[in-house]
All heavy atoms as atom14 arrays in JSON, in Angstrom:
{
  "sequence": "LLPFLNNEKQFERTESPTKTYSFRTKNK",
  "atom14_mask": [
    [1, 1, 1, 1, 1, 1, 1, 1, 0, 0, 0, 0, 0, 0],
    [1, 1, 1, 1, 1, 1, 1, 1, 0, 0, 0, 0, 0, 0],
    [1, 1, 1, 1, 1, 1, 1, 0, 0, 0, 0, 0, 0, 0],
    [1, 1, 1, 1, 1, 1, 1, 1, 1, 1, 1, 0, 0, 0],
    [1, 1, 1, 1, 1, 1, 1, 1, 0, 0, 0, 0, 0, 0],
    [1, 1, 1, 1, 1, 1, 1, 1, 0, 0, 0, 0, 0, 0],
    [1, 1, 1, 1, 1, 1, 1, 1, 0, 0, 0, 0, 0, 0],
    [1, 1, 1, 1, 1, 1, 1, 1, 1, 0, 0, 0, 0, 0],
    [1, 1, 1, 1, 1, 1, 1, 1, 1, 0, 0, 0, 0, 0],
    [1, 1, 1, 1, 1, 1, 1, 1, 1, 0, 0, 0, 0, 0],
    [1, 1, 1, 1, 1, 1, 1, 1, 1, 1, 1, 0, 0, 0],
    [1, 1, 1, 1, 1, 1, 1, 1, 1, 0, 0, 0, 0, 0],
    [1, 1, 1, 1, 1, 1, 1, 1, 1, 1, 1, 0, 0, 0],
    [1, 1, 1, 1, 1, 1, 1, 0, 0, 0, 0, 0, 0, 0],
    [1, 1, 1, 1, 1, 1, 1, 1, 1, 0, 0, 0, 0, 0],
    [1, 1, 1, 1, 1, 1, 0, 0, 0, 0, 0, 0, 0, 0],
    [1, 1, 1, 1, 1, 1, 1, 0, 0, 0, 0, 0, 0, 0],
    [1, 1, 1, 1, 1, 1, 1, 0, 0, 0, 0, 0, 0, 0],
    [1, 1, 1, 1, 1, 1, 1, 1, 1, 0, 0, 0, 0, 0],
    [1, 1, 1, 1, 1, 1, 1, 0, 0, 0, 0, 0, 0, 0],
    [1, 1, 1, 1, 1, 1, 1, 1, 1, 1, 1, 1, 0, 0],
    [1, 1, 1, 1, 1, 1, 0, 0, 0, 0, 0, 0, 0, 0],
    [1, 1, 1, 1, 1, 1, 1, 1, 1, 1, 1, 0, 0, 0],
    [1, 1, 1, 1, 1, 1, 1, 1, 1, 1, 1, 0, 0, 0],
    [1, 1, 1, 1, 1, 1, 1, 0, 0, 0, 0, 0, 0, 0],
    [1, 1, 1, 1, 1, 1, 1, 1, 1, 0, 0, 0, 0, 0],
    [1, 1, 1, 1, 1, 1, 1, 1, 0, 0, 0, 0, 0, 0],
    [1, 1, 1, 1, 1, 1, 1, 1, 1, 0, 0, 0, 0, 0]
  ],
  "atom14_positions": [
    [[102.67, 176.13, 74.69], [102.23, 176.94, 75.83], [101.35, 178.09, 75.36], [100.53, 178.59, 76.1], [103.45, 177.5, 76.59], [104.39, 176.47, 77.19], [105.64, 177.15, 77.74], [103.7, 175.67, 78.27], [0.0, 0.0, 0.0], [0.0, 0.0, 0.0], [0.0, 0.0, 0.0], [0.0, 0.0, 0.0], [0.0, 0.0, 0.0], [0.0, 0.0, 0.0]],
    [[101.55, 178.48, 74.1], [100.75, 179.53, 73.46], [100.2, 178.99, 72.14], [100.89, 178.22, 71.47], [101.62, 180.74, 73.12], [101.87, 181.79, 74.18], [102.83, 182.83, 73.64], [100.6, 182.44, 74.61], [0.0, 0.0, 0.0], [0.0, 0.0, 0.0], [0.0, 0.0, 0.0], [0.0, 0.0, 0.0], [0.0, 0.0, 0.0], [0.0, 0.0, 0.0]],
    [[99.0, 179.4, 71.76], [98.5, 178.98, 70.44], [99.16, 179.8, 69.33], [99.55, 180.95, 69.54], [97.01, 179.29, 70.52], [96.91, 180.4, 71.5], [98.01, 180.17, 72.5], [0.0, 0.0, 0.0], [0.0, 0.0, 0.0], [0.0, 0.0, 0.0], [0.0, 0.0, 0.0], [0.0, 0.0, 0.0], [0.0, 0.0, 0.0], [0.0, 0.0, 0.0]],
    [[99.31, 179.19, 68.14], [99.83, 179.94, 67.01], [98.82, 180.97, 66.56], [99.16, 182.08, 66.18], [100.19, 179.0, 65.85], [101.51, 178.33, 66.02], [101.61, 177.11, 66.66], [102.65, 178.93, 65.57], [102.84, 176.5, 66.82], [103.9, 178.34, 65.72], [103.98, 177.11, 66.36], [0.0, 0.0, 0.0], [0.0, 0.0, 0.0], [0.0, 0.0, 0.0]],
    [[97.54, 180.61, 66.57], [96.45, 181.52, 66.22], [95.37, 181.43, 67.28], [95.13, 180.36, 67.84], [95.83, 181.14, 64.87], [96.7, 181.32, 63.63], [96.0, 180.71, 62.44], [96.98, 182.78, 63.39], [0.0, 0.0, 0.0], [0.0, 0.0, 0.0], [0.0, 0.0, 0.0], [0.0, 0.0, 0.0], [0.0, 0.0, 0.0], [0.0, 0.0, 0.0]],
    [[94.71, 182.54, 67.53], [93.59, 182.55, 68.44], [92.33, 182.56, 67.59], [91.95, 183.57, 67.03], [93.66, 183.77, 69.35], [92.69, 183.68, 70.49], [91.95, 182.72, 70.61], [92.67, 184.68, 71.33], [0.0, 0.0, 0.0], [0.0, 0.0, 0.0], [0.0, 0.0, 0.0], [0.0, 0.0, 0.0], [0.0, 0.0, 0.0], [0.0, 0.0, 0.0]],
    [[91.66, 181.41, 67.48], [90.55, 181.25, 66.54], [89.19, 181.47, 67.16], [88.18, 181.07, 66.59], [90.6, 179.85, 65.9], [91.8, 179.68, 65.01], [92.26, 180.64, 64.42], [92.31, 178.48, 64.92], [0.0, 0.0, 0.0], [0.0, 0.0, 0.0], [0.0, 0.0, 0.0], [0.0, 0.0, 0.0], [0.0, 0.0, 0.0], [0.0, 0.0, 0.0]],
    [[89.11, 182.09, 68.32], [87.81, 182.27, 68.99], [86.87, 183.12, 68.15], [85.68, 182.88, 68.1], [88.01, 182.93, 70.35], [88.67, 182.01, 71.34], [88.95, 182.69, 72.67], [88.44, 183.81, 72.87], [89.67, 182.12, 73.47], [0.0, 0.0, 0.0], [0.0, 0.0, 0.0], [0.0, 0.0, 0.0], [0.0, 0.0, 0.0], [0.0, 0.0, 0.0]],
    [[87.37, 184.13, 67.46], [86.53, 185.02, 66.67], [85.95, 184.31, 65.44], [84.88, 184.64, 65.0], [87.31, 186.26, 66.24], [87.77, 187.08, 67.41], [87.39, 188.5, 67.2], [87.68, 189.29, 68.48], [87.23, 190.63, 68.4], [0.0, 0.0, 0.0], [0.0, 0.0, 0.0], [0.0, 0.0, 0.0], [0.0, 0.0, 0.0], [0.0, 0.0, 0.0]],
    [[86.68, 183.34, 64.89], [86.19, 182.65, 63.7], [84.94, 181.84, 64.0], [84.06, 181.72, 63.18], [87.27, 181.73, 63.14], [88.38, 182.49, 62.45], [89.43, 181.57, 61.86], [89.41, 180.37, 62.11], [90.34, 182.13, 61.1], [0.0, 0.0, 0.0], [0.0, 0.0, 0.0], [0.0, 0.0, 0.0], [0.0, 0.0, 0.0], [0.0, 0.0, 0.0]],
    [[84.84, 181.28, 65.21], [83.67, 180.5, 65.56], [82.43, 181.39, 65.7], [81.33, 180.96, 65.43], [83.91, 179.72, 66.84], [84.98, 178.67, 66.7], [86.12, 178.7, 67.48], [84.85, 177.65, 65.77], [87.09, 177.75, 67.34], [85.83, 176.7, 65.63], [86.95, 176.74, 66.41], [0.0, 0.0, 0.0], [0.0, 0.0, 0.0], [0.0, 0.0, 0.0]],
    [[82.62, 182.62, 66.1], [81.49, 183.54, 66.22], [80.95, 183.95, 64.85], [79.78, 184.2, 64.7], [81.93, 184.79, 67.0], [82.23, 184.51, 68.44], [82.82, 185.71, 69.16], [82.84, 186.8, 68.55], [83.28, 185.54, 70.3], [0.0, 0.0, 0.0], [0.0, 0.0, 0.0], [0.0, 0.0, 0.0], [0.0, 0.0, 0.0], [0.0, 0.0, 0.0]],
    [[81.82, 184.01, 63.85], [81.41, 184.43, 62.52], [80.55, 183.39, 61.81], [79.82, 183.71, 60.91], [82.63, 184.72, 61.66], [83.33, 185.99, 62.03], [84.44, 186.27, 61.04], [85.39, 187.19, 61.62], [86.66, 187.24, 61.33], [87.15, 186.4, 60.45], [87.45, 188.1, 61.89], [0.0, 0.0, 0.0], [0.0, 0.0, 0.0], [0.0, 0.0, 0.0]],
    [[80.64, 182.13, 62.21], [79.9, 181.08, 61.51], [78.4, 181.24, 61.69], [77.62, 180.73, 60.91], [80.32, 179.68, 62.02], [80.15, 179.64, 63.44], [81.76, 179.39, 61.66], [0.0, 0.0, 0.0], [0.0, 0.0, 0.0], [0.0, 0.0, 0.0], [0.0, 0.0, 0.0], [0.0, 0.0, 0.0], [0.0, 0.0, 0.0], [0.0, 0.0, 0.0]],
    [[77.96, 181.99, 62.72], [76.55, 182.18, 62.95], [75.94, 183.21, 62.0], [74.73, 183.33, 61.91], [76.33, 182.64, 64.4], [76.75, 181.6, 65.41], [76.73, 182.15, 66.83], [76.18, 183.26, 67.02], [77.25, 181.49, 67.71], [0.0, 0.0, 0.0], [0.0, 0.0, 0.0], [0.0, 0.0, 0.0], [0.0, 0.0, 0.0], [0.0, 0.0, 0.0]],
    [[76.76, 183.98, 61.29], [76.26, 185.0, 60.39], [75.53, 184.36, 59.22], [75.84, 183.24, 58.81], [77.4, 185.88, 59.88], [78.28, 185.12, 59.1], [0.0, 0.0, 0.0], [0.0, 0.0, 0.0], [0.0, 0.0, 0.0], [0.0, 0.0, 0.0], [0.0, 0.0, 0.0], [0.0, 0.0, 0.0], [0.0, 0.0, 0.0], [0.0, 0.0, 0.0]],
    [[74.54, 185.04, 58.66], [73.79, 184.45, 57.54], [74.67, 184.25, 56.31], [75.51, 185.07, 56.01], [72.68, 185.49, 57.25], [73.18, 186.76, 57.85], [74.07, 186.37, 59.0], [0.0, 0.0, 0.0], [0.0, 0.0, 0.0], [0.0, 0.0, 0.0], [0.0, 0.0, 0.0], [0.0, 0.0, 0.0], [0.0, 0.0, 0.0], [0.0, 0.0, 0.0]],
    [[74.46, 183.14, 55.65], [75.27, 182.84, 54.47], [74.68, 183.52, 53.24], [73.47, 183.63, 53.11], [75.33, 181.32, 54.22], [74.0, 180.84, 54.08], [76.03, 180.61, 55.37], [0.0, 0.0, 0.0], [0.0, 0.0, 0.0], [0.0, 0.0, 0.0], [0.0, 0.0, 0.0], [0.0, 0.0, 0.0], [0.0, 0.0, 0.0], [0.0, 0.0, 0.0]],
    [[75.54, 183.96, 52.36], [75.12, 184.62, 51.14], [75.05, 183.6, 50.02], [75.92, 182.73, 49.91], [76.1, 185.73, 50.76], [76.14, 186.85, 51.75], [77.14, 187.89, 51.32], [77.21, 189.01, 52.33], [78.24, 189.98, 51.99], [0.0, 0.0, 0.0], [0.0, 0.0, 0.0], [0.0, 0.0, 0.0], [0.0, 0.0, 0.0], [0.0, 0.0, 0.0]],
    [[74.03, 183.72, 49.2], [73.92, 182.81, 48.06], [74.07, 183.63, 46.79], [73.49, 184.71, 46.66], [72.56, 182.08, 48.05], [71.53, 183.06, 48.06], [72.41, 181.16, 49.25], [0.0, 0.0, 0.0], [0.0, 0.0, 0.0], [0.0, 0.0, 0.0], [0.0, 0.0, 0.0], [0.0, 0.0, 0.0], [0.0, 0.0, 0.0], [0.0, 0.0, 0.0]],
    [[74.85, 183.11, 45.9], [75.09, 183.78, 44.64], [74.64, 182.87, 43.5], [74.92, 181.68, 43.51], [76.58, 184.1, 44.45], [77.12, 185.06, 45.48], [77.91, 184.6, 46.54], [76.88, 186.42, 45.37], [78.4, 185.46, 47.47], [77.38, 187.3, 46.3], [78.14, 186.83, 47.36], [78.63, 187.69, 48.27], [0.0, 0.0, 0.0], [0.0, 0.0, 0.0]],
    [[73.97, 183.44, 42.52], [73.64, 182.66, 41.32], [74.48, 183.24, 40.18], [74.3, 184.39, 39.79], [72.15, 182.74, 41.01], [71.78, 184.08, 40.8], [0.0, 0.0, 0.0], [0.0, 0.0, 0.0], [0.0, 0.0, 0.0], [0.0, 0.0, 0.0], [0.0, 0.0, 0.0], [0.0, 0.0, 0.0], [0.0, 0.0, 0.0], [0.0, 0.0, 0.0]],
    [[75.39, 182.43, 39.69], [76.31, 182.91, 38.67], [75.73, 182.73, 37.27], [75.96, 183.54, 36.39], [77.64, 182.17, 38.78], [78.39, 182.54, 40.05], [78.47, 181.64, 41.1], [78.99, 183.76, 40.18], [79.16, 181.98, 42.25], [79.67, 184.11, 41.34], [79.75, 183.21, 42.36], [0.0, 0.0, 0.0], [0.0, 0.0, 0.0], [0.0, 0.0, 0.0]],
    [[75.0, 181.66, 37.04], [74.5, 181.36, 35.7], [72.99, 181.18, 35.71], [72.45, 180.56, 36.59], [75.12, 180.06, 35.21], [76.06, 180.22, 34.07], [76.47, 178.9, 33.56], [77.93, 178.81, 33.71], [78.62, 177.72, 33.48], [78.01, 176.63, 33.16], [79.9, 177.74, 33.59], [0.0, 0.0, 0.0], [0.0, 0.0, 0.0], [0.0, 0.0, 0.0]],
    [[72.37, 181.7, 34.72], [70.94, 181.45, 34.55], [70.76, 180.88, 33.15], [71.32, 181.39, 32.17], [70.11, 182.75, 34.69], [70.62, 183.71, 33.78], [70.17, 183.28, 36.11], [0.0, 0.0, 0.0], [0.0, 0.0, 0.0], [0.0, 0.0, 0.0], [0.0, 0.0, 0.0], [0.0, 0.0, 0.0], [0.0, 0.0, 0.0], [0.0, 0.0, 0.0]],
    [[69.98, 179.82, 33.06], [69.75, 179.18, 31.76], [68.57, 179.82, 31.06], [67.52, 180.03, 31.65], [69.48, 177.68, 31.94], [70.72, 176.93, 32.4], [70.44, 175.45, 32.4], [71.68, 174.68, 32.77], [71.48, 173.26, 32.77], [0.0, 0.0, 0.0], [0.0, 0.0, 0.0], [0.0, 0.0, 0.0], [0.0, 0.0, 0.0], [0.0, 0.0, 0.0]],
    [[68.76, 180.14, 29.81], [67.69, 180.68, 29.0], [67.25, 179.64, 27.97], [68.0, 179.24, 27.11], [68.15, 181.94, 28.25], [68.51, 183.06, 29.2], [68.27, 182.95, 30.41], [69.05, 184.13, 28.66], [0.0, 0.0, 0.0], [0.0, 0.0, 0.0], [0.0, 0.0, 0.0], [0.0, 0.0, 0.0], [0.0, 0.0, 0.0], [0.0, 0.0, 0.0]],
    [[65.98, 179.2, 28.06], [65.46, 178.22, 27.12], [64.22, 178.7, 26.45], [63.43, 179.39, 26.92], [65.16, 176.9, 27.81], [66.42, 176.16, 28.13], [66.08, 174.77, 28.61], [67.33, 173.98, 28.87], [67.06, 172.66, 29.28], [0.0, 0.0, 0.0], [0.0, 0.0, 0.0], [0.0, 0.0, 0.0], [0.0, 0.0, 0.0], [0.0, 0.0, 0.0]]
  ]
}
């Protein structure tokens, strides 16, 4: 009758820009 979690806010966050991280750079 009630949801365990209200996930409406999580769907709104998916529109935010994704961050890209570069952890390793190769030196040749």
